[in-house]
Amino acid sequence: MKIIRPIPVFSLLAVLAVCSLFSCSTISYVGDRYPPTEHIDVYYAERDVEFEYKVIGHLSELVSGVNGEESAKQSIIAKCREVGADGVIILGFEYAGSEDTKRYQKAQAIKYID
C-alpha cells in the first residue's frame, strides 16, 4: 500500500500566491526600454512635467477588483521602473466596448532629456 503525504499548507499557499501574481497582471506596454530605474515621478497632466522629456512608451492596465484604480496605477509605475522611465503621465481611463465593459487605465512612460 502506497502512503500519500499531504502537501504542506504553506507550500500550497506559496504556489497560489505566485500563480495569482503572474496571472492577474494585464499590463500592456509598447515602447523603448532602458536600464531599470528606482524612482518614477508621477504626473496627471503633460503640462505638469517640469523637465524637458520624450515619451518612450505607452501603457494600459485593466482596472478590476477592490481598489482597482490604485492597483492599476501601482502596476503602471512598476512597469515604468522596469523599462527605465524617469516618469509617468497617467492619462485617465478608456473603456473597451463589449457586452462586459472593461475599464483600462492609460499612461505614457517618459524619459527626461539631459
C-alpha atoms as a PDB file:
ATOM      1  CA  MET A   1       0.000   0.000   0.000  1.00  0.00           C
ATOM      2  CA  LYS A   2       1.336   3.412  -1.002  1.00  0.00           C
ATOM      3  CA  ILE A   3       1.292   6.209   1.581  1.00  0.00           C
ATOM      4  CA  ILE A   4       0.103   9.578   0.295  1.00  0.00           C
ATOM      5  CA  ARG A   5       1.560  12.504   2.160  1.00  0.00           C
ATOM      6  CA  PRO A   6      -0.372  15.760   2.331  1.00  0.00           C
ATOM      7  CA  ILE A   7       1.165  18.856   0.778  1.00  0.00           C
ATOM      8  CA  PRO A   8       2.207  21.368   3.457  1.00  0.00           C
ATOM      9  CA  VAL A   9      -0.260  24.256   3.603  1.00  0.00           C
ATOM     10  CA  PHE A  10       2.404  26.955   3.338  1.00  0.00           C
ATOM     11  CA  SER A  11       3.767  25.365   0.137  1.00  0.00           C
ATOM     12  CA  LEU A  12       0.331  25.336  -1.409  1.00  0.00           C
ATOM     13  CA  LEU A  13      -0.242  28.959  -0.414  1.00  0.00           C
ATOM     14  CA  ALA A  14       3.125  29.989  -1.865  1.00  0.00           C
ATOM     15  CA  VAL A  15       2.311  28.351  -5.199  1.00  0.00           C
ATOM     16  CA  LEU A  16      -1.108  30.013  -5.286  1.00  0.00           C
ATOM     17  CA  ALA A  17       0.401  33.411  -4.466  1.00  0.00           C
ATOM     18  CA  VAL A  18       2.959  33.145  -7.270  1.00  0.00           C
ATOM     19  CA  CYS A  19       0.316  31.998  -9.746  1.00  0.00           C
ATOM     20  CA  SER A  20      -2.007  34.840  -8.821  1.00  0.00           C
ATOM     21  CA  LEU A  21       0.814  37.370  -9.153  1.00  0.00           C
ATOM     22  CA  PHE A  22       1.556  36.366 -12.708  1.00  0.00           C
ATOM     23  CA  SER A  23      -1.960  35.578 -13.870  1.00  0.00           C
ATOM     24  CA  CYS A  24      -3.542  38.823 -12.680  1.00  0.00           C
ATOM     25  CA  SER A  25      -1.221  41.160 -14.495  1.00  0.00           C
ATOM     26  CA  THR A  26      -2.897  42.615 -17.546  1.00  0.00           C
ATOM     27  CA  ILE A  27      -0.492  45.457 -18.212  1.00  0.00           C
ATOM     28  CA  SER A  28       0.391  46.196 -21.818  1.00  0.00           C
ATOM     29  CA  TYR A  29       3.479  48.161 -22.808  1.00  0.00           C
ATOM     30  CA  VAL A  30       4.748  49.208 -26.184  1.00  0.00           C
ATOM     31  CA  GLY A  31       7.852  51.338 -26.474  1.00  0.00           C
ATOM     32  CA  ASP A  32      11.564  51.633 -25.894  1.00  0.00           C
ATOM     33  CA  ARG A  33      13.471  50.099 -22.995  1.00  0.00           C
ATOM     34  CA  TYR A  34      16.367  51.500 -20.986  1.00  0.00           C
ATOM     35  CA  PRO A  35      18.209  50.246 -17.897  1.00  0.00           C
ATOM     36  CA  PRO A  36      15.740  49.936 -14.963  1.00  0.00           C
ATOM     37  CA  THR A  37      15.235  52.940 -12.693  1.00  0.00           C
ATOM     38  CA  GLU A  38      14.449  53.203  -8.982  1.00  0.00           C
ATOM     39  CA  HIS A  39      12.350  56.373  -8.829  1.00  0.00           C
ATOM     40  CA  ILE A  40       9.386  57.332 -11.003  1.00  0.00           C
ATOM     41  CA  ASP A  41       7.827  60.797 -10.958  1.00  0.00           C
ATOM     42  CA  VAL A  42       4.042  60.555 -11.333  1.00  0.00           C
ATOM     43  CA  TYR A  43       2.083  63.225 -13.230  1.00  0.00           C
ATOM     44  CA  TYR A  44      -1.573  63.542 -14.150  1.00  0.00           C
ATOM     45  CA  ALA A  45      -1.201  66.131 -16.925  1.00  0.00           C
ATOM     46  CA  GLU A  46       1.520  66.737 -19.502  1.00  0.00           C
ATOM     47  CA  ARG A  47       1.691  70.419 -18.559  1.00  0.00           C
ATOM     48  CA  ASP A  48       2.751  69.468 -15.012  1.00  0.00           C
ATOM     49  CA  VAL A  49       6.046  67.923 -16.139  1.00  0.00           C
ATOM     50  CA  GLU A  50       8.710  70.455 -15.176  1.00  0.00           C
ATOM     51  CA  PHE A  51      11.524  68.957 -17.254  1.00  0.00           C
ATOM     52  CA  GLU A  52      12.046  68.519 -20.953  1.00  0.00           C
ATOM     53  CA  TYR A  53      11.130  64.917 -21.820  1.00  0.00           C
ATOM     54  CA  LYS A  54      10.299  62.460 -24.539  1.00  0.00           C
ATOM     55  CA  VAL A  55       7.624  59.766 -24.480  1.00  0.00           C
ATOM     56  CA  ILE A  56       9.321  56.365 -24.582  1.00  0.00           C
ATOM     57  CA  GLY A  57       6.231  54.184 -24.394  1.00  0.00           C
ATOM     58  CA  HIS A  58       2.510  53.728 -23.858  1.00  0.00           C
ATOM     59  CA  LEU A  59       0.923  51.659 -21.106  1.00  0.00           C
ATOM     60  CA  SER A  60      -2.513  50.228 -20.484  1.00  0.00           C
ATOM     61  CA  GLU A  61      -3.692  48.312 -17.396  1.00  0.00           C
ATOM     62  CA  LEU A  62      -7.056  46.668 -16.771  1.00  0.00           C
ATOM     63  CA  VAL A  63      -8.825  48.138 -13.740  1.00  0.00           C
ATOM     64  CA  SER A  64     -10.545  45.444 -11.716  1.00  0.00           C
ATOM     65  CA  GLY A  65     -11.246  44.293  -8.197  1.00  0.00           C
ATOM     66  CA  VAL A  66     -11.205  46.088  -4.904  1.00  0.00           C
ATOM     67  CA  ASN A  67      -9.102  49.259  -5.041  1.00  0.00           C
ATOM     68  CA  GLY A  68      -8.636  48.640  -8.777  1.00  0.00           C
ATOM     69  CA  GLU A  69      -7.601  52.183  -9.711  1.00  0.00           C
ATOM     70  CA  GLU A  70      -4.753  52.272  -7.192  1.00  0.00           C
ATOM     71  CA  SER A  71      -3.675  48.742  -8.074  1.00  0.00           C
ATOM     72  CA  ALA A  72      -3.581  49.632 -11.787  1.00  0.00           C
ATOM     73  CA  LYS A  73      -1.555  52.781 -11.045  1.00  0.00           C
ATOM     74  CA  GLN A  74       0.974  50.827  -8.975  1.00  0.00           C
ATOM     75  CA  SER A  75       1.334  48.231 -11.767  1.00  0.00           C
ATOM     76  CA  ILE A  76       1.966  51.014 -14.270  1.00  0.00           C
ATOM     77  CA  ILE A  77       4.601  52.604 -12.014  1.00  0.00           C
ATOM     78  CA  ALA A  78       6.328  49.233 -11.543  1.00  0.00           C
ATOM     79  CA  LYS A  79       6.385  48.674 -15.309  1.00  0.00           C
ATOM     80  CA  CYS A  80       7.851  52.159 -15.831  1.00  0.00           C
ATOM     81  CA  ARG A  81      10.686  51.311 -13.415  1.00  0.00           C
ATOM     82  CA  GLU A  82      11.272  48.082 -15.315  1.00  0.00           C
ATOM     83  CA  VAL A  83      11.535  49.816 -18.722  1.00  0.00           C
ATOM     84  CA  GLY A  84      13.797  52.588 -17.409  1.00  0.00           C
ATOM     85  CA  ALA A  85      11.414  55.540 -17.459  1.00  0.00           C
ATOM     86  CA  ASP A  86      12.030  58.629 -15.328  1.00  0.00           C
ATOM     87  CA  GLY A  87       8.358  59.435 -15.004  1.00  0.00           C
ATOM     88  CA  VAL A  88       4.835  58.507 -15.982  1.00  0.00           C
ATOM     89  CA  ILE A  89       1.900  60.598 -17.091  1.00  0.00           C
ATOM     90  CA  ILE A  90      -1.383  58.996 -16.031  1.00  0.00           C
ATOM     91  CA  LEU A  91      -3.803  59.869 -18.827  1.00  0.00           C
ATOM     92  CA  GLY A  92      -7.053  58.573 -17.366  1.00  0.00           C
ATOM     93  CA  PHE A  93      -9.377  55.756 -18.339  1.00  0.00           C
ATOM     94  CA  GLU A  94     -10.501  54.180 -21.561  1.00  0.00           C
ATOM     95  CA  TYR A  95     -13.439  51.819 -21.882  1.00  0.00           C
ATOM     96  CA  ALA A  96     -13.422  48.732 -24.082  1.00  0.00           C
ATOM     97  CA  GLY A  97     -16.715  48.301 -25.888  1.00  0.00           C
ATOM     98  CA  SER A  98     -18.252  44.888 -25.426  1.00  0.00           C
ATOM     99  CA  GLU A  99     -21.066  43.191 -23.532  1.00  0.00           C
ATOM    100  CA  ASP A 100     -18.860  43.289 -20.450  1.00  0.00           C
ATOM    101  CA  THR A 101     -17.438  46.825 -20.489  1.00  0.00           C
ATOM    102  CA  LYS A 102     -13.875  46.866 -19.185  1.00  0.00           C
ATOM    103  CA  ARG A 103     -12.035  49.936 -17.968  1.00  0.00           C
ATOM    104  CA  TYR A 104      -8.328  50.460 -18.675  1.00  0.00           C
ATOM    105  CA  GLN A 105      -6.014  52.991 -17.063  1.00  0.00           C
ATOM    106  CA  LYS A 106      -3.808  54.568 -19.749  1.00  0.00           C
ATOM    107  CA  ALA A 107      -0.398  56.196 -19.296  1.00  0.00           C
ATOM    108  CA  GLN A 108       2.744  57.406 -21.038  1.00  0.00           C
ATOM    109  CA  ALA A 109       6.228  56.428 -19.869  1.00  0.00           C
ATOM    110  CA  ILE A 110       8.611  59.372 -20.157  1.00  0.00           C
ATOM    111  CA  LYS A 111      12.380  59.852 -20.138  1.00  0.00           C
ATOM    112  CA  TYR A 112      13.890  63.221 -19.235  1.00  0.00           C
ATOM    113  CA  ILE A 113      16.130  64.811 -21.833  1.00  0.00           C
ATOM    114  CA  ASP A 114      19.506  65.881 -20.407  1.00  0.00           C
END
